[in-house]
Amino acid sequence: MSDLKESNGGNWFDGIVKDRRRILLDVALAPLQGDRFQPTGFADLGAAVYTLPDGTRKILVESAQSMANRLEAALLEDRDLKPAFKGLSYVRVFPDKETTMFTNSLIEPHRLNSPWILGGTVKGREKLFRGTLREAMEGVKRGDGTKGDVPKPALMDQKRIADAIFRYDANALLHGIFLVGIESRIRMPRALTAFIEATNVREAHSGGTKLDPVDPTGKWTAEKTEKADVYGNVPFHRLEYTAERITAFFNLDLDLLRGFGLPECAFDLLVNLAFYKIRFFLENGLRLRTACDLRMTEEIAVREPKELVIPSLIDLEKNVVEKIKGCSENGLFAASPTDVETMTKKAKAKAAAAEGEETDDQETDNDDEEQ
């Protein structure tokens, strides 16, 4: 790594993003083969088709919440952190007394707010991770542990909260987190937002039939079983779309990242991580669904600041590795990864009692809003 700064300029964004509020990018995409694609769908809605005031029909191909998951996956290998990024802060969860990882904060939908994480005990200590995180936030409390106790009014120290989140899961500051399991006011919006839209769309109707060569009508089976609807030939309708153009958009909120008040090496790491994830997704992650396999038709277009030139994926990976090392040397990360164990209800109650709080599992359920 000794020649890193000579090969790619070290902080390649120095002097370009210094006074910028946002970095705005977009990328032209197209189906890998043919013209049709399958957009994302929503319960009770289907595809999100909408019309602009001038009559142009558009469709949401991939939502912001889905893109956050896809960007996070850029750091994963076999559901765990890629070895190249060893040292980056995140939390792993293990079943009680077992050695095989169960889940981690990089794949949990609500990151550190996962009940598996907050409700587990830090390995080697009889202490809930929830309490460990509160300690790191210095002063974010929920009262003295008395049932029904209400915390005294107090301002939130956002810098200490950001420091604590970065210490245990740096990626949560990029993709957003609502730590309702700690305190309902702790909400960090996404710093990196992405979505994919298609313009001037038209429906492409097709269909098919699920064939049953044994009992095509399903009548014989209907007399013998209560699950008659899964037998017989079943015709189905299929709806795909074509579009004049498909575009992926990326927005990195530099004001938000600066507002966390993190040290320079932490800010640099988050910027490099954001661009690594964007590059990796565009070069490796455009198979969105069975019938939505896309490709880049042009290089990334930098809309703001226009003078910004984004390094290659290889150089960005080198930068991330260097910045992880710098953050580790400056003591910004907890032991990485931080390992916690799930617990039996009885053991969890004992650990919570030792910390002077209720277990209150419901407060860490994954019912918070999508980030």
Protein backbone atom coordinates (compact mmCIF):
# COMPACT_ATOMS: atom_id res chain seq x y z
CA MET A 1 0.00 0.00 0.00
CA SER A 2 3.05 2.28 0.13
CA ASP A 3 2.50 3.60 -3.41
CA LEU A 4 -1.25 4.17 -2.95
CA LYS A 5 -1.14 7.96 -2.83
CA GLU A 6 1.07 8.11 -5.91
CA SER A 7 -1.14 5.74 -7.90
CA ASN A 8 -4.54 7.34 -7.28
CA GLY A 9 -3.94 10.63 -5.52
CA GLY A 10 -4.77 9.51 -1.97
CA ASN A 11 -7.85 11.59 -1.14
CA TRP A 12 -8.84 11.84 -4.80
CA PHE A 13 -11.76 14.11 -3.91
CA ASP A 14 -9.68 16.75 -2.06
CA GLY A 15 -10.27 20.23 -3.45
CA ILE A 16 -13.33 19.02 -5.38
CA VAL A 17 -15.85 18.12 -2.70
CA LYS A 18 -14.54 20.49 -0.03
CA ASP A 19 -17.36 23.03 -0.27
CA ARG A 20 -19.93 20.87 -2.06
CA ARG A 21 -23.24 19.96 -0.47
CA ARG A 22 -24.04 16.96 -2.68
CA ILE A 23 -22.47 14.62 -5.18
CA LEU A 24 -25.02 13.79 -7.90
CA LEU A 25 -24.52 10.99 -10.40
CA ASP A 26 -26.64 9.20 -12.96
CA VAL A 27 -26.02 6.25 -15.25
CA ALA A 28 -27.81 5.20 -18.45
CA LEU A 29 -28.93 1.55 -18.40
CA ALA A 30 -30.65 -0.81 -20.82
CA PRO A 31 -31.85 -4.44 -20.80
CA LEU A 32 -28.93 -6.81 -21.29
CA GLN A 33 -30.90 -8.56 -24.04
CA GLY A 34 -34.01 -7.50 -25.92
CA ASP A 35 -36.15 -4.54 -24.87
CA ARG A 36 -38.35 -5.77 -22.00
CA PHE A 37 -37.70 -5.52 -18.28
CA GLN A 38 -39.55 -6.34 -15.06
CA PRO A 39 -39.78 -3.44 -12.57
CA THR A 40 -40.01 -3.78 -8.83
CA GLY A 41 -43.48 -4.48 -7.45
CA PHE A 42 -45.27 -3.47 -4.27
CA ALA A 43 -47.97 -5.23 -2.27
CA ASP A 44 -51.51 -4.19 -3.31
CA LEU A 45 -49.99 -1.88 -5.93
CA GLY A 46 -47.89 -3.83 -8.39
CA ALA A 47 -45.53 -1.78 -10.53
CA ALA A 48 -45.17 1.89 -9.58
CA VAL A 49 -46.25 3.61 -12.81
CA TYR A 50 -46.72 7.37 -12.66
CA THR A 51 -47.26 10.29 -15.05
CA LEU A 52 -45.40 13.60 -15.19
CA PRO A 53 -47.32 16.87 -15.66
CA ASP A 54 -46.38 16.86 -19.37
CA GLY A 55 -47.97 13.43 -19.81
CA THR A 56 -44.74 11.39 -19.86
CA ARG A 57 -45.28 7.94 -18.34
CA LYS A 58 -42.57 6.71 -15.99
CA ILE A 59 -41.99 3.71 -13.77
CA LEU A 60 -39.91 3.03 -10.67
CA VAL A 61 -37.59 0.18 -11.63
CA GLU A 62 -35.85 -0.07 -8.25
CA SER A 63 -36.77 1.72 -5.02
CA ALA A 64 -34.44 3.61 -2.67
CA GLN A 65 -34.88 1.03 0.10
CA SER A 66 -34.09 -1.86 -2.25
CA MET A 67 -31.06 -0.03 -3.66
CA ALA A 68 -29.73 0.47 -0.12
CA ASN A 69 -29.78 -3.31 0.33
CA ARG A 70 -28.04 -3.85 -3.01
CA LEU A 71 -25.34 -1.29 -2.22
CA GLU A 72 -24.72 -2.85 1.19
CA ALA A 73 -24.24 -6.22 -0.51
CA ALA A 74 -21.12 -4.84 -2.22
CA LEU A 75 -19.17 -5.55 0.98
CA LEU A 76 -20.46 -9.10 1.43
CA GLU A 77 -19.02 -12.50 0.63
CA ASP A 78 -21.03 -15.53 1.79
CA ARG A 79 -23.19 -13.25 3.95
CA ASP A 80 -20.18 -11.92 5.85
CA LEU A 81 -17.72 -9.06 5.38
CA LYS A 82 -15.25 -9.54 2.52
CA PRO A 83 -11.78 -10.44 3.86
CA ALA A 84 -10.29 -7.44 2.01
CA PHE A 85 -12.17 -5.09 4.36
CA LYS A 86 -11.15 -6.76 7.60
CA GLY A 87 -11.15 -4.24 10.44
CA LEU A 88 -14.25 -2.33 9.32
CA SER A 89 -16.74 -2.03 12.16
CA TYR A 90 -19.83 -4.26 12.16
CA VAL A 91 -21.59 -6.65 14.55
CA ARG A 92 -21.99 -10.42 14.16
CA VAL A 93 -24.59 -12.53 15.94
CA PHE A 94 -24.10 -16.13 17.06
CA PRO A 95 -26.69 -18.55 18.47
CA ASP A 96 -26.19 -19.09 22.19
CA LYS A 97 -22.96 -21.06 22.81
CA GLU A 98 -22.50 -21.86 19.10
CA THR A 99 -19.68 -20.91 16.72
CA THR A 100 -21.55 -20.47 13.43
CA MET A 101 -22.63 -16.90 12.64
CA PHE A 102 -26.40 -16.44 12.57
CA THR A 103 -26.68 -12.92 11.14
CA ASN A 104 -24.84 -9.57 11.21
CA SER A 105 -25.48 -5.83 10.99
CA LEU A 106 -24.52 -5.74 7.30
CA ILE A 107 -27.47 -7.94 6.32
CA GLU A 108 -30.05 -7.14 9.00
CA PRO A 109 -32.84 -4.90 7.57
CA HIS A 110 -32.51 -2.38 10.40
CA ARG A 111 -28.78 -2.73 10.99
CA LEU A 112 -27.84 -2.12 14.64
CA ASN A 113 -31.52 -1.80 15.59
CA SER A 114 -32.03 -5.50 14.89
CA PRO A 115 -33.52 -7.28 17.95
CA TRP A 116 -30.97 -10.06 17.40
CA ILE A 117 -28.19 -7.50 17.92
CA LEU A 118 -29.58 -5.20 20.62
CA GLY A 119 -30.99 -8.13 22.58
CA GLY A 120 -27.83 -10.22 22.49
CA THR A 121 -24.93 -10.21 24.92
CA VAL A 122 -21.43 -9.15 23.96
CA LYS A 123 -19.24 -12.25 23.86
CA GLY A 124 -17.11 -12.59 26.96
CA ARG A 125 -19.32 -10.21 28.96
CA GLU A 126 -22.68 -10.67 30.67
CA LYS A 127 -23.90 -7.41 29.18
CA LEU A 128 -26.57 -6.71 26.59
CA PHE A 129 -25.26 -5.06 23.43
CA ARG A 130 -28.03 -2.50 23.91
CA GLY A 131 -26.35 -1.35 27.09
CA THR A 132 -22.92 -1.37 25.44
CA LEU A 133 -24.19 0.91 22.69
CA ARG A 134 -25.83 3.25 25.20
CA GLU A 135 -22.54 3.50 27.06
CA ALA A 136 -20.76 4.46 23.84
CA MET A 137 -23.35 7.19 23.27
CA GLU A 138 -22.62 8.59 26.76
CA GLY A 139 -25.81 9.81 28.32
CA VAL A 140 -28.53 8.39 26.07
CA LYS A 141 -30.63 6.73 28.76
CA ARG A 142 -34.19 5.55 29.31
CA GLY A 143 -34.48 6.23 33.03
CA ASP A 144 -33.28 4.34 36.10
CA GLY A 145 -34.80 0.97 35.19
CA THR A 146 -38.00 1.38 37.19
CA LYS A 147 -40.96 -0.02 35.30
CA GLY A 148 -42.82 2.80 33.59
CA ASP A 149 -40.02 5.27 34.25
CA VAL A 150 -39.82 8.21 31.83
CA PRO A 151 -36.42 9.65 30.91
CA LYS A 152 -35.71 13.21 31.93
CA PRO A 153 -35.91 15.74 29.06
CA ALA A 154 -32.49 16.28 27.51
CA LEU A 155 -30.95 17.33 24.23
CA MET A 156 -29.41 14.57 22.14
CA ASP A 157 -25.66 14.77 21.57
CA GLN A 158 -25.69 13.93 17.87
CA LYS A 159 -21.91 13.87 17.57
CA ARG A 160 -21.51 11.27 20.31
CA ILE A 161 -24.32 9.24 18.78
CA ALA A 162 -22.66 9.35 15.35
CA ASP A 163 -19.31 8.40 16.91
CA ALA A 164 -20.93 5.39 18.61
CA ILE A 165 -22.71 4.20 15.48
CA PHE A 166 -19.50 4.57 13.44
CA ARG A 167 -17.64 2.66 16.16
CA TYR A 168 -19.90 -0.39 15.83
CA ASP A 169 -21.23 -0.20 12.25
CA ALA A 170 -19.81 2.53 10.01
CA ASN A 171 -22.09 1.53 7.13
CA ALA A 172 -25.18 2.51 9.13
CA LEU A 173 -24.18 6.15 8.72
CA LEU A 174 -24.25 5.76 4.94
CA HIS A 175 -27.53 3.87 4.67
CA GLY A 176 -29.51 5.29 7.59
CA ILE A 177 -30.69 3.92 10.89
CA PHE A 178 -33.61 4.44 13.27
CA LEU A 179 -32.41 3.27 16.69
CA VAL A 180 -35.83 3.04 18.32
CA GLY A 181 -34.44 0.18 20.45
CA ILE A 182 -32.20 2.73 22.19
CA GLU A 183 -34.11 6.00 21.96
CA SER A 184 -36.91 6.93 19.56
CA ARG A 185 -35.26 10.24 18.62
CA ILE A 186 -32.15 8.59 17.19
CA ARG A 187 -32.81 8.77 13.45
CA MET A 188 -30.02 9.01 10.91
CA PRO A 189 -31.33 9.52 7.34
CA ARG A 190 -29.54 8.01 4.38
CA ALA A 191 -26.38 9.81 3.33
CA LEU A 192 -26.23 7.68 0.17
CA THR A 193 -29.52 7.46 -1.73
CA ALA A 194 -30.08 5.64 -5.03
CA PHE A 195 -33.00 4.60 -7.21
CA ILE A 196 -33.67 3.55 -10.82
CA GLU A 197 -36.37 5.04 -13.06
CA ALA A 198 -37.55 4.34 -16.60
CA THR A 199 -39.02 7.04 -18.90
CA ASN A 200 -41.72 6.89 -21.57
CA VAL A 201 -42.76 3.37 -20.64
CA ARG A 202 -45.15 1.02 -22.44
CA GLU A 203 -46.69 -2.23 -21.26
CA ALA A 204 -45.50 -5.51 -22.77
CA HIS A 205 -48.20 -8.12 -22.12
CA SER A 206 -47.47 -11.83 -22.38
CA GLY A 207 -48.32 -14.99 -20.52
CA GLY A 208 -47.99 -18.74 -20.31
CA THR A 209 -49.39 -21.90 -18.80
CA LYS A 210 -48.23 -24.11 -15.98
CA LEU A 211 -48.71 -27.55 -17.49
CA ASP A 212 -49.85 -30.68 -15.62
CA PRO A 213 -49.36 -33.67 -17.97
CA VAL A 214 -50.82 -36.09 -15.39
CA ASP A 215 -54.19 -34.39 -14.82
CA PRO A 216 -54.53 -31.37 -17.16
CA THR A 217 -58.08 -30.51 -16.05
CA GLY A 218 -57.45 -30.96 -12.34
CA LYS A 219 -60.94 -32.41 -11.94
CA TRP A 220 -59.81 -35.89 -10.81
CA THR A 221 -57.40 -34.36 -8.30
CA ALA A 222 -60.08 -32.00 -7.00
CA GLU A 223 -62.12 -34.98 -5.87
CA LYS A 224 -59.16 -36.51 -4.00
CA THR A 225 -57.53 -33.55 -2.31
CA GLU A 226 -58.29 -30.15 -0.77
CA LYS A 227 -55.37 -28.60 -2.68
CA ALA A 228 -56.99 -28.81 -6.10
CA ASP A 229 -55.78 -25.33 -7.07
CA VAL A 230 -52.19 -26.53 -7.47
CA TYR A 231 -53.09 -29.23 -9.99
CA GLY A 232 -54.19 -29.07 -13.62
CA ASN A 233 -53.12 -26.69 -16.37
CA VAL A 234 -53.01 -23.12 -15.02
CA PRO A 235 -52.77 -20.23 -17.51
CA PHE A 236 -51.20 -17.02 -16.21
CA HIS A 237 -50.73 -13.41 -17.30
CA ARG A 238 -47.34 -11.68 -17.38
CA LEU A 239 -46.72 -7.94 -17.51
CA GLU A 240 -43.35 -6.45 -18.41
CA TYR A 241 -42.39 -3.02 -19.75
CA THR A 242 -40.34 -1.29 -22.42
CA ALA A 243 -38.89 2.20 -22.04
CA GLU A 244 -37.28 4.98 -24.03
CA ARG A 245 -34.54 5.10 -21.40
CA ILE A 246 -33.64 3.66 -17.99
CA THR A 247 -31.53 5.68 -15.55
CA ALA A 248 -29.92 4.93 -12.20
CA PHE A 249 -29.51 7.93 -9.88
CA PHE A 250 -27.11 8.33 -6.93
CA ASN A 251 -27.01 11.14 -4.37
CA LEU A 252 -24.28 11.41 -1.71
CA ASP A 253 -25.18 13.99 0.95
CA LEU A 254 -21.86 15.55 1.96
CA ASP A 255 -23.52 18.06 4.30
CA LEU A 256 -25.00 15.20 6.30
CA LEU A 257 -21.66 13.37 6.50
CA ARG A 258 -19.90 16.54 7.67
CA GLY A 259 -22.67 17.18 10.18
CA PHE A 260 -21.76 13.99 12.03
CA GLY A 261 -18.58 15.75 13.18
CA LEU A 262 -16.43 12.69 12.57
CA PRO A 263 -12.63 12.86 12.24
CA GLU A 264 -11.26 13.43 8.74
CA CYS A 265 -10.22 9.79 8.25
CA ALA A 266 -13.79 8.66 9.05
CA PHE A 267 -15.30 11.14 6.57
CA ASP A 268 -12.80 9.98 3.94
CA LEU A 269 -13.69 6.34 4.60
CA LEU A 270 -17.43 6.95 4.19
CA VAL A 271 -16.92 8.83 0.90
CA ASN A 272 -14.69 6.09 -0.50
CA LEU A 273 -17.09 3.39 0.72
CA ALA A 274 -19.98 5.14 -1.01
CA PHE A 275 -18.18 5.25 -4.35
CA TYR A 276 -16.89 1.70 -4.01
CA LYS A 277 -20.45 0.50 -3.49
CA ILE A 278 -21.74 2.47 -6.48
CA ARG A 279 -18.97 1.14 -8.74
CA PHE A 280 -19.42 -2.43 -7.52
CA PHE A 281 -23.18 -2.37 -8.01
CA LEU A 282 -22.90 -1.00 -11.55
CA GLU A 283 -20.23 -3.50 -12.54
CA ASN A 284 -21.54 -6.58 -10.71
CA GLY A 285 -25.09 -6.11 -9.45
CA LEU A 286 -27.38 -5.19 -12.34
CA ARG A 287 -29.23 -8.54 -12.38
CA LEU A 288 -32.12 -7.17 -10.34
CA ARG A 289 -34.72 -9.89 -10.97
CA THR A 290 -35.36 -12.90 -13.23
CA ALA A 291 -36.66 -10.64 -16.00
CA CYS A 292 -34.67 -7.51 -15.13
CA ASP A 293 -31.06 -7.97 -16.20
CA LEU A 294 -29.53 -4.60 -17.08
CA ARG A 295 -26.25 -3.20 -18.40
CA MET A 296 -24.55 0.18 -18.46
CA THR A 297 -24.73 1.87 -21.86
CA GLU A 298 -22.54 4.83 -20.85
CA GLU A 299 -19.98 5.64 -18.17
CA ILE A 300 -21.14 7.28 -14.94
CA ALA A 301 -22.28 10.87 -15.58
CA VAL A 302 -21.17 13.25 -12.82
CA ARG A 303 -23.75 16.05 -12.60
CA GLU A 304 -22.28 17.75 -9.56
CA PRO A 305 -19.43 18.61 -9.21
CA LYS A 306 -18.74 18.19 -12.93
CA GLU A 307 -14.96 18.17 -12.48
CA LEU A 308 -15.09 15.03 -10.33
CA VAL A 309 -13.54 11.90 -11.88
CA ILE A 310 -14.41 8.68 -10.06
CA PRO A 311 -11.55 6.16 -9.65
CA SER A 312 -11.74 2.56 -10.82
CA LEU A 313 -13.16 -0.17 -8.59
CA ILE A 314 -9.64 -1.48 -7.91
CA ASP A 315 -8.36 1.93 -6.78
CA LEU A 316 -11.46 2.54 -4.67
CA GLU A 317 -10.94 -0.79 -2.91
CA LYS A 318 -7.34 0.21 -2.14
CA ASN A 319 -8.56 3.53 -0.76
CA VAL A 320 -11.16 1.85 1.46
CA VAL A 321 -8.56 -0.56 2.84
CA GLU A 322 -6.22 2.34 3.59
CA LYS A 323 -8.96 4.38 5.30
CA ILE A 324 -10.07 1.39 7.40
CA LYS A 325 -6.49 1.04 8.60
CA GLY A 326 -6.34 4.75 9.44
CA CYS A 327 -9.61 4.66 11.41
CA SER A 328 -8.44 1.57 13.30
CA GLU A 329 -5.12 3.17 14.19
CA ASN A 330 -7.00 6.22 15.50
CA GLY A 331 -9.19 4.04 17.75
CA LEU A 332 -12.46 4.88 15.98
CA PHE A 333 -13.64 1.26 15.74
CA ALA A 334 -14.61 -1.20 18.43
CA ALA A 335 -13.09 -4.66 18.24
CA SER A 336 -14.01 -5.66 14.71
CA PRO A 337 -16.19 -7.47 14.32
CA THR A 338 -18.07 -7.08 17.58
CA ASP A 339 -19.58 -10.49 18.38
CA VAL A 340 -22.80 -10.93 20.33
CA GLU A 341 -24.72 -14.06 21.32
CA THR A 342 -28.45 -14.62 21.29
CA MET A 343 -29.85 -15.62 24.66
CA THR A 344 -32.61 -17.58 26.28
CA LYS A 345 -35.38 -15.43 27.74
CA LYS A 346 -34.24 -16.24 31.27
CA ALA A 347 -30.59 -15.35 30.57
CA LYS A 348 -31.61 -12.14 28.83
CA ALA A 349 -33.76 -11.11 31.80
CA LYS A 350 -30.81 -11.77 34.13
CA ALA A 351 -28.45 -9.65 32.02
CA ALA A 352 -31.01 -6.85 31.76
CA ALA A 353 -31.60 -6.91 35.52
CA ALA A 354 -27.86 -6.60 36.11
CA GLU A 355 -27.93 -3.43 34.01
CA GLY A 356 -30.98 -2.05 35.76
CA GLU A 357 -33.42 -2.13 32.85
CA GLU A 358 -36.41 -4.04 31.55
CA THR A 359 -35.89 -6.57 28.76
CA ASP A 360 -38.77 -5.03 26.76
CA ASP A 361 -38.13 -7.10 23.62
CA GLN A 362 -40.96 -5.41 21.81
CA GLU A 363 -39.08 -2.12 21.69
CA THR A 364 -36.47 -3.63 19.38
CA ASP A 365 -38.84 -5.42 17.02
CA ASN A 366 -38.23 -4.67 13.36
CA ASP A 367 -41.28 -2.47 13.02
CA ASP A 368 -39.54 0.84 12.38
CA GLU A 369 -39.85 2.71 9.14
CA GLU A 370 -37.64 1.79 6.18
CA GLN A 371 -34.46 3.80 5.91
